Amino acid sequence: MTKRTGRRRILYLAASFFSIIVFLFLVGSAGYVLLSHPKSPLPDHWNPLRDLSVTAPVTPVTSYQLTRALADEALCRGTLSDAGVTFDAMEDLTIDPNCGIVGRGLLSGLTIARVDPVETSCTTTLRLAMWEHHVVQPAARDAFGSGVAKLRHIGSYNCRRMRTAQGENSRWSSHARADSIDIIGVELTDGRNLTLLEDWQGTGSKALFLRHIWRGACDWFRVVLSPDFNHLHADHFHLQGPGWGYCR
């Protein structure tokens, strides 16, 4: 191969590489314009540039939209309001570096189910609303032909350290920042009540329903603990937002 031929080949490869870069840039730009246009033909729940809707169908884009809403308090509150969730704004609570609530509010109603009023964070409420709408309500309709009228809980915020089977841990609980909520059961719209303490064990419809919604909670919370975890959780689900990912 002569020097001239070698230079020609290098120039050809460089030109080809530049052409590919330009092509990808144009395709990306066209895609962005298509996605960001107010009249984009792509449904919002498939569009990563659109905000999360709690009641929209779940798609591969939902996780990204949820992450963005969790990181922006104003967006989080707006998303809850659009879904009809009753989450009355309260001033942030600051006790010390370990205890307090950022994005604080009083939760009393989800998309359908009501809850006894509880102080918690916007992020915990948003995760709970996604679980209620996409897991709990459909599972109840499938299992019992009835929706869930009420989610029963035993609180969210609690300025305390972690509790383990061996006693109190030196680490602070996620409850100390209202990053979790404990659910003890549900009340169906037909009046029936299900509790983890009484209905978790067995193979009947109530136990199967509770295990189904436990597994489904793992799609919306990073740490989910059930009665199978230890005796401290015999009567409730521990649903926690932050964490490395644990479902037991």
Protein backbone atom coordinates (compact mmCIF):
# COMPACT_ATOMS: atom_id res chain seq x y z
CA MET A 1 0.00 0.00 0.00
CA THR A 2 1.43 3.38 -1.06
CA LYS A 3 1.46 6.40 1.22
CA ARG A 4 -1.07 8.12 -1.03
CA THR A 5 -3.43 5.13 -0.86
CA GLY A 6 -3.02 4.99 2.91
CA ARG A 7 -3.90 8.67 3.28
CA ARG A 8 -6.95 8.22 1.05
CA ARG A 9 -8.14 5.33 3.20
CA ILE A 10 -7.69 7.32 6.40
CA LEU A 11 -9.59 10.27 4.93
CA TYR A 12 -12.36 7.92 3.76
CA LEU A 13 -12.70 6.35 7.22
CA ALA A 14 -12.67 9.79 8.88
CA ALA A 15 -15.36 11.06 6.50
CA SER A 16 -17.47 7.93 7.12
CA PHE A 17 -17.15 8.33 10.89
CA PHE A 18 -18.09 12.02 10.67
CA SER A 19 -21.10 11.17 8.50
CA ILE A 20 -22.30 8.63 11.09
CA ILE A 21 -21.95 11.19 13.88
CA VAL A 22 -23.90 13.78 11.89
CA PHE A 23 -26.59 11.21 11.07
CA LEU A 24 -26.98 10.19 14.71
CA PHE A 25 -27.13 13.84 15.76
CA LEU A 26 -29.86 14.58 13.22
CA VAL A 27 -31.84 11.50 14.22
CA GLY A 28 -31.48 12.41 17.90
CA SER A 29 -32.51 16.00 17.26
CA ALA A 30 -35.52 14.90 15.24
CA GLY A 31 -36.46 12.46 18.00
CA TYR A 32 -36.21 15.15 20.66
CA VAL A 33 -38.35 17.53 18.62
CA LEU A 34 -40.92 14.77 18.13
CA LEU A 35 -41.00 13.94 21.85
CA SER A 36 -41.06 17.53 23.08
CA HIS A 37 -43.68 18.82 20.65
CA PRO A 38 -46.98 19.62 22.45
CA LYS A 39 -48.85 17.56 19.85
CA SER A 40 -46.45 14.62 19.86
CA PRO A 41 -48.25 11.47 18.65
CA LEU A 42 -46.47 9.44 21.34
CA PRO A 43 -48.71 8.87 24.40
CA ASP A 44 -47.45 10.65 27.52
CA HIS A 45 -46.91 7.39 29.42
CA TRP A 46 -44.47 6.33 26.67
CA ASN A 47 -42.77 9.72 26.46
CA PRO A 48 -39.76 10.22 28.79
CA LEU A 49 -40.08 14.00 28.46
CA ARG A 50 -43.60 14.01 29.89
CA ASP A 51 -44.42 14.04 33.61
CA LEU A 52 -45.60 11.00 35.49
CA SER A 53 -49.31 10.26 35.77
CA VAL A 54 -50.22 7.94 38.64
CA THR A 55 -53.26 6.56 36.82
CA ALA A 56 -51.63 6.07 33.39
CA PRO A 57 -50.70 2.55 32.24
CA VAL A 58 -47.28 1.35 33.36
CA THR A 59 -44.64 1.24 30.60
CA PRO A 60 -40.83 0.96 30.52
CA VAL A 61 -40.78 4.77 30.76
CA THR A 62 -42.76 4.88 34.04
CA SER A 63 -39.74 4.16 36.24
CA TYR A 64 -37.83 7.10 34.75
CA GLN A 65 -40.83 9.42 35.15
CA LEU A 66 -41.27 8.28 38.76
CA THR A 67 -37.60 8.88 39.57
CA ARG A 68 -37.88 12.41 38.22
CA ALA A 69 -41.03 13.12 40.24
CA LEU A 70 -39.46 11.76 43.43
CA ALA A 71 -36.52 14.15 43.01
CA ASP A 72 -38.66 17.28 42.55
CA GLU A 73 -41.03 18.16 45.40
CA ALA A 74 -43.18 20.51 43.33
CA LEU A 75 -43.54 17.88 40.63
CA CYS A 76 -44.27 15.22 43.25
CA ARG A 77 -47.07 17.28 44.80
CA GLY A 78 -48.48 18.20 41.40
CA THR A 79 -48.52 14.56 40.33
CA LEU A 80 -50.44 13.58 43.48
CA SER A 81 -52.91 16.41 43.02
CA ASP A 82 -53.57 15.43 39.39
CA ALA A 83 -54.30 11.87 40.54
CA GLY A 84 -56.84 13.02 43.12
CA VAL A 85 -54.66 12.03 46.09
CA THR A 86 -55.49 13.99 49.24
CA PHE A 87 -52.12 15.14 50.55
CA ASP A 88 -52.42 18.46 52.35
CA ALA A 89 -49.17 20.42 52.42
CA MET A 90 -47.47 21.07 55.76
CA GLU A 91 -44.27 22.88 56.68
CA ASP A 92 -41.21 20.66 56.65
CA LEU A 93 -40.38 19.18 60.04
CA THR A 94 -36.82 19.46 61.32
CA ILE A 95 -36.01 17.89 64.68
CA ASP A 96 -32.29 17.18 64.29
CA PRO A 97 -30.02 15.75 61.54
CA ASN A 98 -31.58 12.32 62.03
CA CYS A 99 -35.28 13.11 62.40
CA GLY A 100 -37.68 15.20 60.35
CA ILE A 101 -39.84 15.24 57.23
CA VAL A 102 -38.90 16.89 53.93
CA GLY A 103 -41.86 17.36 51.59
CA ARG A 104 -44.20 16.93 54.55
CA GLY A 105 -47.93 16.56 54.22
CA LEU A 106 -51.04 15.02 55.72
CA LEU A 107 -52.19 12.03 53.68
CA SER A 108 -55.83 10.99 54.00
CA GLY A 109 -56.80 9.58 50.60
CA LEU A 110 -55.15 7.83 47.65
CA THR A 111 -56.56 7.45 44.14
CA ILE A 112 -59.46 5.39 45.48
CA ALA A 113 -58.72 4.08 48.96
CA ARG A 114 -58.83 6.35 51.97
CA VAL A 115 -56.37 6.16 54.85
CA ASP A 116 -56.53 7.41 58.41
CA PRO A 117 -54.78 10.81 58.29
CA VAL A 118 -51.03 10.34 58.59
CA GLU A 119 -48.07 12.74 58.39
CA THR A 120 -45.58 11.51 55.84
CA SER A 121 -43.42 12.68 52.95
CA CYS A 122 -44.43 13.38 49.39
CA THR A 123 -42.08 10.67 48.10
CA THR A 124 -43.57 7.98 50.37
CA THR A 125 -47.07 9.09 49.36
CA LEU A 126 -46.26 8.94 45.66
CA ARG A 127 -44.84 5.42 45.91
CA LEU A 128 -47.87 4.37 47.97
CA ALA A 129 -50.26 5.84 45.41
CA MET A 130 -48.57 3.93 42.57
CA TRP A 131 -48.80 0.69 44.58
CA GLU A 132 -52.43 1.27 45.52
CA HIS A 133 -53.53 2.09 41.97
CA HIS A 134 -51.50 -0.45 40.00
CA VAL A 135 -51.30 -3.37 42.42
CA VAL A 136 -53.73 -3.28 45.34
CA GLN A 137 -56.93 -2.23 43.56
CA PRO A 138 -56.58 -4.58 40.55
CA ALA A 139 -55.62 -7.48 42.81
CA ALA A 140 -58.68 -6.93 45.03
CA ARG A 141 -61.01 -6.77 42.04
CA ASP A 142 -59.53 -9.97 40.62
CA ALA A 143 -59.58 -11.86 43.93
CA PHE A 144 -62.81 -10.64 45.50
CA GLY A 145 -64.76 -8.74 42.85
CA SER A 146 -64.48 -5.73 45.15
CA GLY A 147 -62.19 -2.71 45.36
CA VAL A 148 -60.23 -1.55 48.40
CA ALA A 149 -62.00 1.21 50.31
CA LYS A 150 -59.29 1.72 52.92
CA LEU A 151 -55.63 0.96 53.48
CA ARG A 152 -54.98 0.40 57.17
CA HIS A 153 -51.63 1.56 58.57
CA ILE A 154 -49.80 2.03 61.86
CA GLY A 155 -47.88 5.14 60.91
CA SER A 156 -45.07 6.56 58.85
CA TYR A 157 -43.00 9.13 60.78
CA ASN A 158 -41.40 8.04 64.03
CA CYS A 159 -38.17 9.57 65.35
CA ARG A 160 -36.48 6.34 66.47
CA ARG A 161 -33.63 3.98 65.74
CA MET A 162 -33.99 0.69 63.90
CA ARG A 163 -35.49 -2.27 65.69
CA THR A 164 -34.14 -5.74 65.04
CA ALA A 165 -34.83 -9.20 66.39
CA GLN A 166 -31.80 -8.67 68.66
CA GLY A 167 -33.05 -5.33 69.98
CA GLU A 168 -32.63 -1.68 69.04
CA ASN A 169 -29.98 -0.97 66.39
CA SER A 170 -27.59 1.97 66.45
CA ARG A 171 -28.73 3.00 62.97
CA TRP A 172 -31.65 5.35 62.50
CA SER A 173 -34.90 3.95 61.16
CA SER A 174 -36.27 5.07 57.80
CA HIS A 175 -39.35 6.06 59.80
CA ALA A 176 -37.27 8.85 61.36
CA ARG A 177 -37.42 10.64 57.98
CA ALA A 178 -40.92 9.42 57.00
CA ASP A 179 -39.29 7.42 54.22
CA SER A 180 -41.49 4.41 55.00
CA ILE A 181 -44.99 3.47 56.05
CA ASP A 182 -46.35 0.34 57.75
CA ILE A 183 -49.50 -1.26 56.33
CA ILE A 184 -51.48 -3.73 58.47
CA GLY A 185 -54.36 -4.59 56.16
CA VAL A 186 -57.18 -3.45 53.92
CA GLU A 187 -60.91 -2.87 54.07
CA LEU A 188 -62.81 -3.87 50.94
CA THR A 189 -65.66 -1.84 49.51
CA ASP A 190 -68.05 -4.69 50.42
CA GLY A 191 -67.11 -4.31 54.08
CA ARG A 192 -64.74 -7.25 54.48
CA ASN A 193 -61.51 -6.67 56.39
CA LEU A 194 -58.19 -8.39 55.80
CA THR A 195 -55.27 -8.15 58.20
CA LEU A 196 -51.76 -9.52 57.91
CA LEU A 197 -51.89 -10.79 61.48
CA GLU A 198 -54.91 -13.00 60.81
CA ASP A 199 -54.84 -13.66 57.06
CA TRP A 200 -51.19 -13.87 55.94
CA GLN A 201 -50.77 -17.60 56.55
CA GLY A 202 -52.48 -20.30 54.52
CA THR A 203 -53.45 -20.83 50.90
CA GLY A 204 -56.90 -19.23 50.81
CA SER A 205 -57.92 -16.24 48.72
CA LYS A 206 -57.07 -13.76 51.48
CA ALA A 207 -53.54 -15.07 51.94
CA LEU A 208 -52.95 -15.23 48.19
CA PHE A 209 -54.17 -11.65 47.81
CA LEU A 210 -51.88 -10.37 50.58
CA ARG A 211 -48.89 -12.17 49.11
CA HIS A 212 -49.70 -10.79 45.68
CA ILE A 213 -49.78 -7.19 46.86
CA TRP A 214 -46.60 -7.79 48.91
CA ARG A 215 -44.73 -8.89 45.78
CA GLY A 216 -46.23 -5.99 43.84
CA ALA A 217 -45.01 -3.52 46.46
CA CYS A 218 -41.45 -4.47 45.54
CA ASP A 219 -41.96 -2.77 42.16
CA TRP A 220 -42.61 0.59 43.83
CA PHE A 221 -40.58 0.51 47.05
CA ARG A 222 -36.89 -0.33 47.43
CA VAL A 223 -37.27 -2.22 50.73
CA VAL A 224 -40.37 -4.30 51.50
CA LEU A 225 -40.60 -6.45 54.61
CA SER A 226 -43.47 -8.87 55.29
CA PRO A 227 -44.40 -11.21 58.15
CA ASP A 228 -41.98 -13.71 56.61
CA PHE A 229 -39.06 -11.41 57.46
CA ASN A 230 -39.20 -11.69 61.25
CA HIS A 231 -41.62 -11.62 64.18
CA LEU A 232 -41.38 -7.81 64.44
CA HIS A 233 -43.27 -7.62 61.13
CA ALA A 234 -45.86 -10.25 61.95
CA ASP A 235 -48.70 -7.75 61.61
CA HIS A 236 -47.55 -5.37 58.86
CA PHE A 237 -45.76 -4.63 55.61
CA HIS A 238 -42.82 -2.26 56.01
CA LEU A 239 -42.76 -0.24 52.78
CA GLN A 240 -39.60 1.85 52.41
CA GLY A 241 -38.55 4.18 49.61
CA PRO A 242 -34.74 4.48 49.90
CA GLY A 243 -32.53 1.39 50.02
CA TRP A 244 -30.48 -1.04 47.99
CA GLY A 245 -33.41 -3.23 47.08
CA TYR A 246 -34.72 -5.96 49.38
CA CYS A 247 -38.01 -7.85 49.24
CA ARG A 248 -38.74 -10.45 51.88
